[in-house]
Amino acid sequence: MIKKEIAGGVVHKLPLDLQSALSSNPDALAVWGDITPLARNEWICWVTSGKKEETRSVRIEKAISKLKGGMRRPCCWAGCLHR
């Protein structure tokens, strides 16, 4: 069986913890595959910009939930400063 690689962002690579969460949720993964590389970049930056491990875990859970609901970019966030 060939496993398809999950795309990352423009500047940010997809971290393993977010990749694992996406892999285990087909609905969120479907939206992830449909959004632009810039949008993926924003999700990755939002998740990884948390200073504490707890914050990052909560953001991954929220990202999966929001993606499952069809949200294409993180809400209420200034955006990635790295692009």
N, C-alpha and C. Protein backbone atom coordinates (compact mmCIF):
# COMPACT_ATOMS: atom_id res chain seq x y z
N MET A 1 0.84 -1.18 0.00
CA MET A 1 0.00 0.00 0.00
C MET A 1 0.89 1.24 0.00
N ILE A 2 0.59 2.17 -0.87
CA ILE A 2 1.35 3.42 -0.95
C ILE A 2 0.62 4.48 -0.14
N LYS A 3 1.35 5.09 0.79
CA LYS A 3 0.76 6.13 1.61
C LYS A 3 1.07 7.49 1.00
N LYS A 4 0.04 8.26 0.73
CA LYS A 4 0.20 9.57 0.12
C LYS A 4 0.70 10.57 1.16
N GLU A 5 1.68 11.38 0.78
CA GLU A 5 2.23 12.38 1.67
C GLU A 5 1.23 13.53 1.82
N ILE A 6 1.13 14.05 3.02
CA ILE A 6 0.25 15.18 3.29
C ILE A 6 1.04 16.46 3.07
N ALA A 7 0.50 17.36 2.27
CA ALA A 7 1.20 18.60 1.92
C ALA A 7 1.35 19.52 3.11
N GLY A 8 2.43 20.27 3.11
CA GLY A 8 2.69 21.27 4.14
C GLY A 8 2.31 22.65 3.64
N GLY A 9 2.92 23.66 4.21
CA GLY A 9 2.64 25.03 3.83
C GLY A 9 3.68 25.59 2.89
N VAL A 10 3.67 26.89 2.73
CA VAL A 10 4.61 27.57 1.85
C VAL A 10 5.96 27.71 2.55
N VAL A 11 5.93 28.17 3.78
CA VAL A 11 7.15 28.39 4.56
C VAL A 11 7.35 27.28 5.58
N HIS A 12 6.26 26.85 6.19
CA HIS A 12 6.33 25.87 7.27
C HIS A 12 6.12 24.44 6.77
N LYS A 13 6.91 23.52 7.31
CA LYS A 13 6.71 22.10 7.04
C LYS A 13 5.66 21.59 8.02
N LEU A 14 4.95 20.59 7.62
CA LEU A 14 3.91 19.99 8.44
C LEU A 14 4.54 19.22 9.60
N PRO A 15 4.31 19.64 10.85
CA PRO A 15 4.88 18.91 11.98
C PRO A 15 4.21 17.55 12.15
N LEU A 16 4.94 16.62 12.73
CA LEU A 16 4.46 15.26 12.86
C LEU A 16 3.18 15.14 13.69
N ASP A 17 3.06 15.94 14.76
CA ASP A 17 1.85 15.83 15.59
C ASP A 17 0.60 16.29 14.84
N LEU A 18 0.71 17.34 14.05
CA LEU A 18 -0.42 17.81 13.25
C LEU A 18 -0.69 16.83 12.10
N GLN A 19 0.36 16.30 11.52
CA GLN A 19 0.22 15.31 10.45
C GLN A 19 -0.52 14.07 10.96
N SER A 20 -0.17 13.63 12.14
CA SER A 20 -0.82 12.46 12.74
C SER A 20 -2.30 12.72 12.99
N ALA A 21 -2.61 13.91 13.51
CA ALA A 21 -4.01 14.27 13.77
C ALA A 21 -4.81 14.33 12.47
N LEU A 22 -4.22 14.90 11.43
CA LEU A 22 -4.89 14.96 10.14
C LEU A 22 -5.10 13.57 9.55
N SER A 23 -4.09 12.73 9.67
CA SER A 23 -4.17 11.37 9.12
C SER A 23 -5.28 10.56 9.77
N SER A 24 -5.57 10.84 11.02
CA SER A 24 -6.58 10.06 11.73
C SER A 24 -7.98 10.64 11.58
N ASN A 25 -8.11 11.71 10.79
CA ASN A 25 -9.43 12.30 10.60
C ASN A 25 -9.68 12.58 9.12
N PRO A 26 -10.38 11.69 8.43
CA PRO A 26 -10.58 11.83 6.98
C PRO A 26 -11.30 13.12 6.58
N ASP A 27 -12.24 13.60 7.38
CA ASP A 27 -12.97 14.83 7.02
C ASP A 27 -12.05 16.04 7.06
N ALA A 28 -11.25 16.15 8.12
CA ALA A 28 -10.31 17.26 8.23
C ALA A 28 -9.24 17.16 7.14
N LEU A 29 -8.80 15.95 6.86
CA LEU A 29 -7.78 15.73 5.83
C LEU A 29 -8.30 16.12 4.45
N ALA A 30 -9.57 15.87 4.20
CA ALA A 30 -10.15 16.24 2.90
C ALA A 30 -10.13 17.76 2.71
N VAL A 31 -10.47 18.50 3.76
CA VAL A 31 -10.43 19.97 3.67
C VAL A 31 -8.99 20.43 3.53
N TRP A 32 -8.08 19.82 4.30
CA TRP A 32 -6.66 20.16 4.23
C TRP A 32 -6.14 20.02 2.79
N GLY A 33 -6.55 18.96 2.13
CA GLY A 33 -6.11 18.74 0.76
C GLY A 33 -6.71 19.71 -0.23
N ASP A 34 -7.80 20.36 0.15
CA ASP A 34 -8.50 21.27 -0.74
C ASP A 34 -8.09 22.73 -0.57
N ILE A 35 -7.48 23.07 0.58
CA ILE A 35 -7.12 24.48 0.81
C ILE A 35 -5.78 24.80 0.15
N THR A 36 -5.50 26.08 0.00
CA THR A 36 -4.28 26.53 -0.66
C THR A 36 -3.05 26.31 0.22
N PRO A 37 -1.87 26.27 -0.37
CA PRO A 37 -0.65 26.16 0.44
C PRO A 37 -0.51 27.31 1.45
N LEU A 38 -0.97 28.52 1.07
CA LEU A 38 -0.91 29.63 2.03
C LEU A 38 -1.84 29.40 3.22
N ALA A 39 -3.01 28.84 2.97
CA ALA A 39 -3.93 28.53 4.06
C ALA A 39 -3.34 27.44 4.96
N ARG A 40 -2.74 26.41 4.36
CA ARG A 40 -2.09 25.37 5.17
C ARG A 40 -0.97 25.97 5.99
N ASN A 41 -0.23 26.88 5.40
CA ASN A 41 0.85 27.57 6.10
C ASN A 41 0.32 28.29 7.34
N GLU A 42 -0.82 28.94 7.21
CA GLU A 42 -1.40 29.67 8.34
C GLU A 42 -1.82 28.72 9.45
N TRP A 43 -2.45 27.59 9.10
CA TRP A 43 -2.81 26.60 10.12
C TRP A 43 -1.57 26.10 10.85
N ILE A 44 -0.52 25.76 10.09
CA ILE A 44 0.70 25.24 10.71
C ILE A 44 1.32 26.29 11.63
N CYS A 45 1.41 27.52 11.16
CA CYS A 45 2.00 28.59 11.97
C CYS A 45 1.18 28.82 13.23
N TRP A 46 -0.14 28.80 13.10
CA TRP A 46 -1.01 29.01 14.26
C TRP A 46 -0.79 27.91 15.30
N VAL A 47 -0.72 26.68 14.85
CA VAL A 47 -0.51 25.55 15.77
C VAL A 47 0.85 25.64 16.44
N THR A 48 1.89 25.91 15.68
CA THR A 48 3.25 25.87 16.21
C THR A 48 3.67 27.14 16.95
N SER A 49 2.88 28.20 16.84
CA SER A 49 3.25 29.45 17.51
C SER A 49 2.92 29.43 19.00
N GLY A 50 2.21 28.44 19.47
CA GLY A 50 1.94 28.33 20.90
C GLY A 50 3.23 28.02 21.65
N LYS A 51 3.46 28.70 22.74
CA LYS A 51 4.72 28.53 23.48
C LYS A 51 4.75 27.25 24.32
N LYS A 52 3.59 26.85 24.84
CA LYS A 52 3.53 25.67 25.70
C LYS A 52 3.03 24.46 24.92
N GLU A 53 3.47 23.28 25.33
CA GLU A 53 3.02 22.04 24.70
C GLU A 53 1.51 21.88 24.83
N GLU A 54 0.98 22.29 25.97
CA GLU A 54 -0.47 22.22 26.21
C GLU A 54 -1.22 23.09 25.21
N THR A 55 -0.72 24.29 24.96
CA THR A 55 -1.35 25.20 23.99
C THR A 55 -1.34 24.57 22.60
N ARG A 56 -0.23 23.99 22.24
CA ARG A 56 -0.10 23.36 20.93
C ARG A 56 -1.10 22.21 20.77
N SER A 57 -1.23 21.39 21.81
CA SER A 57 -2.18 20.27 21.77
C SER A 57 -3.61 20.76 21.60
N VAL A 58 -3.96 21.80 22.33
CA VAL A 58 -5.31 22.37 22.24
C VAL A 58 -5.53 22.93 20.84
N ARG A 59 -4.53 23.59 20.30
CA ARG A 59 -4.67 24.16 18.96
C ARG A 59 -4.81 23.08 17.89
N ILE A 60 -4.13 21.97 18.05
CA ILE A 60 -4.28 20.87 17.10
C ILE A 60 -5.71 20.34 17.15
N GLU A 61 -6.23 20.14 18.35
CA GLU A 61 -7.62 19.68 18.49
C GLU A 61 -8.59 20.65 17.85
N LYS A 62 -8.39 21.95 18.10
CA LYS A 62 -9.27 22.97 17.52
C LYS A 62 -9.13 23.01 15.99
N ALA A 63 -7.90 22.89 15.50
CA ALA A 63 -7.68 22.92 14.06
C ALA A 63 -8.42 21.77 13.38
N ILE A 64 -8.33 20.58 13.94
CA ILE A 64 -9.01 19.43 13.37
C ILE A 64 -10.52 19.66 13.39
N SER A 65 -11.03 20.15 14.50
CA SER A 65 -12.46 20.42 14.62
C SER A 65 -12.92 21.47 13.60
N LYS A 66 -12.15 22.54 13.47
CA LYS A 66 -12.52 23.62 12.54
C LYS A 66 -12.41 23.14 11.09
N LEU A 67 -11.37 22.40 10.78
CA LEU A 67 -11.22 21.87 9.42
C LEU A 67 -12.37 20.93 9.08
N LYS A 68 -12.74 20.07 10.03
CA LYS A 68 -13.88 19.17 9.81
C LYS A 68 -15.14 19.96 9.50
N GLY A 69 -15.27 21.13 10.11
CA GLY A 69 -16.43 21.99 9.87
C GLY A 69 -16.33 22.81 8.60
N GLY A 70 -15.20 22.68 7.88
CA GLY A 70 -15.06 23.38 6.61
C GLY A 70 -14.31 24.69 6.68
N MET A 71 -13.82 25.07 7.86
CA MET A 71 -13.08 26.34 7.98
C MET A 71 -11.75 26.21 7.24
N ARG A 72 -11.46 27.19 6.41
CA ARG A 72 -10.29 27.11 5.54
C ARG A 72 -9.06 27.83 6.09
N ARG A 73 -9.24 28.72 7.05
CA ARG A 73 -8.12 29.44 7.68
C ARG A 73 -8.42 29.63 9.16
N PRO A 74 -7.38 29.76 9.98
CA PRO A 74 -7.63 30.01 11.40
C PRO A 74 -8.34 31.36 11.59
N CYS A 75 -9.27 31.38 12.48
CA CYS A 75 -10.07 32.58 12.74
C CYS A 75 -9.46 33.39 13.88
N CYS A 76 -9.69 34.67 13.83
CA CYS A 76 -9.30 35.56 14.94
C CYS A 76 -7.80 35.50 15.23
N TRP A 77 -7.01 35.46 14.18
CA TRP A 77 -5.55 35.39 14.32
C TRP A 77 -4.97 36.30 13.25
N ALA A 78 -3.94 37.03 13.60
CA ALA A 78 -3.36 38.03 12.69
C ALA A 78 -2.77 37.42 11.42
N GLY A 79 -2.42 36.15 11.46
CA GLY A 79 -1.84 35.49 10.30
C GLY A 79 -0.36 35.23 10.46
N CYS A 80 0.16 34.43 9.59
CA CYS A 80 1.56 34.04 9.64
C CYS A 80 2.46 35.22 9.29
N LEU A 81 3.40 35.49 10.15
CA LEU A 81 4.34 36.58 9.92
C LEU A 81 5.54 36.14 9.06
N HIS A 82 5.63 34.84 8.78
CA HIS A 82 6.79 34.29 8.11
C HIS A 82 6.68 34.24 6.59
N ARG A 83 5.55 34.63 6.03
CA ARG A 83 5.43 34.52 4.57
C ARG A 83 5.84 35.76 3.85
